[in-house]
Amino acid sequence: MTGVPLKHQRIGRILAMEIRTGGHPAGERLPGEHALAARFGVSRTTIRAALAELTEQGLITTRTGKGSYVVFDGRPPDDRPGRAPAPRAAHR
């Protein structure tokens, strides 16, 4: 591998940047898989892989049959409501 990002990684980075810079605010529904596939000129499978990465990063949530929604609100993932705080190291 030459270090060139795969298609889904490139798309994930573009969408992540749009989300983090406010292009897609918290609560907004992202365009559907068909629209994203057309926008980037890739298959829906590639789009699903990119959306899975965004989910792992805590930027979106996907609801089957409903779409993908932005959950990123500018705060670190552990500071969002409903998320357990990160464990802290014990002081000795």
C-alpha atoms as a PDB file:
ATOM      1  CA  MET A   1       0.000   0.000   0.000  1.00  0.00           C
ATOM      2  CA  THR A   2       1.356   3.430  -0.904  1.00  0.00           C
ATOM      3  CA  GLY A   3      -0.317   5.478   1.798  1.00  0.00           C
ATOM      4  CA  VAL A   4      -2.986   6.770  -0.561  1.00  0.00           C
ATOM      5  CA  PRO A   5      -6.342   6.796   1.263  1.00  0.00           C
ATOM      6  CA  LEU A   6      -9.015   4.430   0.030  1.00  0.00           C
ATOM      7  CA  LYS A   7     -12.156   5.939  -1.500  1.00  0.00           C
ATOM      8  CA  HIS A   8     -14.264   5.485   1.625  1.00  0.00           C
ATOM      9  CA  GLN A   9     -11.511   7.032   3.765  1.00  0.00           C
ATOM     10  CA  ARG A  10     -11.260  10.067   1.480  1.00  0.00           C
ATOM     11  CA  ILE A  11     -15.039  10.515   1.516  1.00  0.00           C
ATOM     12  CA  GLY A  12     -15.134  10.034   5.288  1.00  0.00           C
ATOM     13  CA  ARG A  13     -12.507  12.736   5.737  1.00  0.00           C
ATOM     14  CA  ILE A  14     -14.416  15.171   3.527  1.00  0.00           C
ATOM     15  CA  LEU A  15     -17.701  14.570   5.354  1.00  0.00           C
ATOM     16  CA  ALA A  16     -15.973  14.699   8.765  1.00  0.00           C
ATOM     17  CA  MET A  17     -14.453  18.070   7.879  1.00  0.00           C
ATOM     18  CA  GLU A  18     -17.851  19.365   6.734  1.00  0.00           C
ATOM     19  CA  ILE A  19     -19.429  18.195   9.998  1.00  0.00           C
ATOM     20  CA  ARG A  20     -16.660  19.567  12.238  1.00  0.00           C
ATOM     21  CA  THR A  21     -16.714  22.971  10.532  1.00  0.00           C
ATOM     22  CA  GLY A  22     -20.489  23.347  10.871  1.00  0.00           C
ATOM     23  CA  GLY A  23     -21.461  22.481   7.315  1.00  0.00           C
ATOM     24  CA  HIS A  24     -23.784  19.880   8.788  1.00  0.00           C
ATOM     25  CA  PRO A  25     -24.985  20.948  12.258  1.00  0.00           C
ATOM     26  CA  ALA A  26     -25.983  18.563  15.043  1.00  0.00           C
ATOM     27  CA  GLY A  27     -29.360  16.976  14.382  1.00  0.00           C
ATOM     28  CA  GLU A  28     -29.217  17.432  10.621  1.00  0.00           C
ATOM     29  CA  ARG A  29     -29.972  14.445   8.427  1.00  0.00           C
ATOM     30  CA  LEU A  30     -27.204  13.771   5.931  1.00  0.00           C
ATOM     31  CA  PRO A  31     -28.100  13.204   2.291  1.00  0.00           C
ATOM     32  CA  GLY A  32     -29.067   9.603   1.557  1.00  0.00           C
ATOM     33  CA  GLU A  33     -26.727   6.932   0.263  1.00  0.00           C
ATOM     34  CA  HIS A  34     -27.888   7.405  -3.338  1.00  0.00           C
ATOM     35  CA  ALA A  35     -27.265  11.161  -3.222  1.00  0.00           C
ATOM     36  CA  LEU A  36     -23.847  10.763  -1.591  1.00  0.00           C
ATOM     37  CA  ALA A  37     -22.888   8.050  -4.083  1.00  0.00           C
ATOM     38  CA  ALA A  38     -23.826  10.373  -6.945  1.00  0.00           C
ATOM     39  CA  ARG A  39     -21.981  13.317  -5.354  1.00  0.00           C
ATOM     40  CA  PHE A  40     -18.737  11.363  -4.984  1.00  0.00           C
ATOM     41  CA  GLY A  41     -19.109   9.112  -8.028  1.00  0.00           C
ATOM     42  CA  VAL A  42     -18.821   5.882  -6.022  1.00  0.00           C
ATOM     43  CA  SER A  43     -20.967   2.900  -5.079  1.00  0.00           C
ATOM     44  CA  ARG A  44     -23.370   2.790  -2.146  1.00  0.00           C
ATOM     45  CA  THR A  45     -21.100   0.168  -0.587  1.00  0.00           C
ATOM     46  CA  THR A  46     -18.287   2.730  -0.506  1.00  0.00           C
ATOM     47  CA  ILE A  47     -20.635   5.293   1.037  1.00  0.00           C
ATOM     48  CA  ARG A  48     -21.716   2.783   3.702  1.00  0.00           C
ATOM     49  CA  ALA A  49     -18.059   2.212   4.608  1.00  0.00           C
ATOM     50  CA  ALA A  50     -17.485   5.971   4.902  1.00  0.00           C
ATOM     51  CA  LEU A  51     -20.597   6.374   7.070  1.00  0.00           C
ATOM     52  CA  ALA A  52     -19.437   3.501   9.288  1.00  0.00           C
ATOM     53  CA  GLU A  53     -16.168   5.356   9.901  1.00  0.00           C
ATOM     54  CA  LEU A  54     -18.061   8.533  10.795  1.00  0.00           C
ATOM     55  CA  THR A  55     -20.155   6.502  13.233  1.00  0.00           C
ATOM     56  CA  GLU A  56     -17.017   5.063  14.840  1.00  0.00           C
ATOM     57  CA  GLN A  57     -15.662   8.606  15.219  1.00  0.00           C
ATOM     58  CA  GLY A  58     -18.837   9.652  17.035  1.00  0.00           C
ATOM     59  CA  LEU A  59     -19.827  12.181  14.378  1.00  0.00           C
ATOM     60  CA  ILE A  60     -23.047  10.573  13.135  1.00  0.00           C
ATOM     61  CA  THR A  61     -25.611   7.966  14.020  1.00  0.00           C
ATOM     62  CA  THR A  62     -27.454   5.882  11.453  1.00  0.00           C
ATOM     63  CA  ARG A  63     -31.041   4.744  11.913  1.00  0.00           C
ATOM     64  CA  THR A  64     -32.113   1.868   9.689  1.00  0.00           C
ATOM     65  CA  GLY A  65     -34.710   3.063   7.224  1.00  0.00           C
ATOM     66  CA  LYS A  66     -34.420   6.664   8.442  1.00  0.00           C
ATOM     67  CA  GLY A  67     -30.952   7.839   7.435  1.00  0.00           C
ATOM     68  CA  SER A  68     -27.799   9.194   9.014  1.00  0.00           C
ATOM     69  CA  TYR A  69     -27.911  12.097  11.454  1.00  0.00           C
ATOM     70  CA  VAL A  70     -25.157  14.345  12.743  1.00  0.00           C
ATOM     71  CA  VAL A  71     -24.538  13.975  16.470  1.00  0.00           C
ATOM     72  CA  PHE A  72     -21.308  16.004  16.630  1.00  0.00           C
ATOM     73  CA  ASP A  73     -21.939  19.271  18.451  1.00  0.00           C
ATOM     74  CA  GLY A  74     -18.413  20.573  18.862  1.00  0.00           C
ATOM     75  CA  ARG A  75     -17.791  18.884  22.192  1.00  0.00           C
ATOM     76  CA  PRO A  76     -15.489  15.919  22.729  1.00  0.00           C
ATOM     77  CA  PRO A  77     -17.480  12.642  22.602  1.00  0.00           C
ATOM     78  CA  ASP A  78     -17.182  12.009  26.366  1.00  0.00           C
ATOM     79  CA  ASP A  79     -18.673  15.431  27.202  1.00  0.00           C
ATOM     80  CA  ARG A  80     -21.951  14.845  25.357  1.00  0.00           C
ATOM     81  CA  PRO A  81     -25.183  14.106  27.224  1.00  0.00           C
ATOM     82  CA  GLY A  82     -25.792  10.425  27.763  1.00  0.00           C
ATOM     83  CA  ARG A  83     -22.143   9.481  27.414  1.00  0.00           C
ATOM     84  CA  ALA A  84     -20.179   8.129  30.349  1.00  0.00           C
ATOM     85  CA  PRO A  85     -17.114  10.181  31.218  1.00  0.00           C
ATOM     86  CA  ALA A  86     -13.757   8.685  30.331  1.00  0.00           C
ATOM     87  CA  PRO A  87     -12.189   6.774  33.208  1.00  0.00           C
ATOM     88  CA  ARG A  88      -9.538   8.754  35.021  1.00  0.00           C
ATOM     89  CA  ALA A  89      -6.256   7.362  36.233  1.00  0.00           C
ATOM     90  CA  ALA A  90      -6.147   6.726  39.962  1.00  0.00           C
ATOM     91  CA  HIS A  91      -3.900   9.080  41.937  1.00  0.00           C
ATOM     92  CA  ARG A  92      -1.348   7.378  44.153  1.00  0.00           C
END
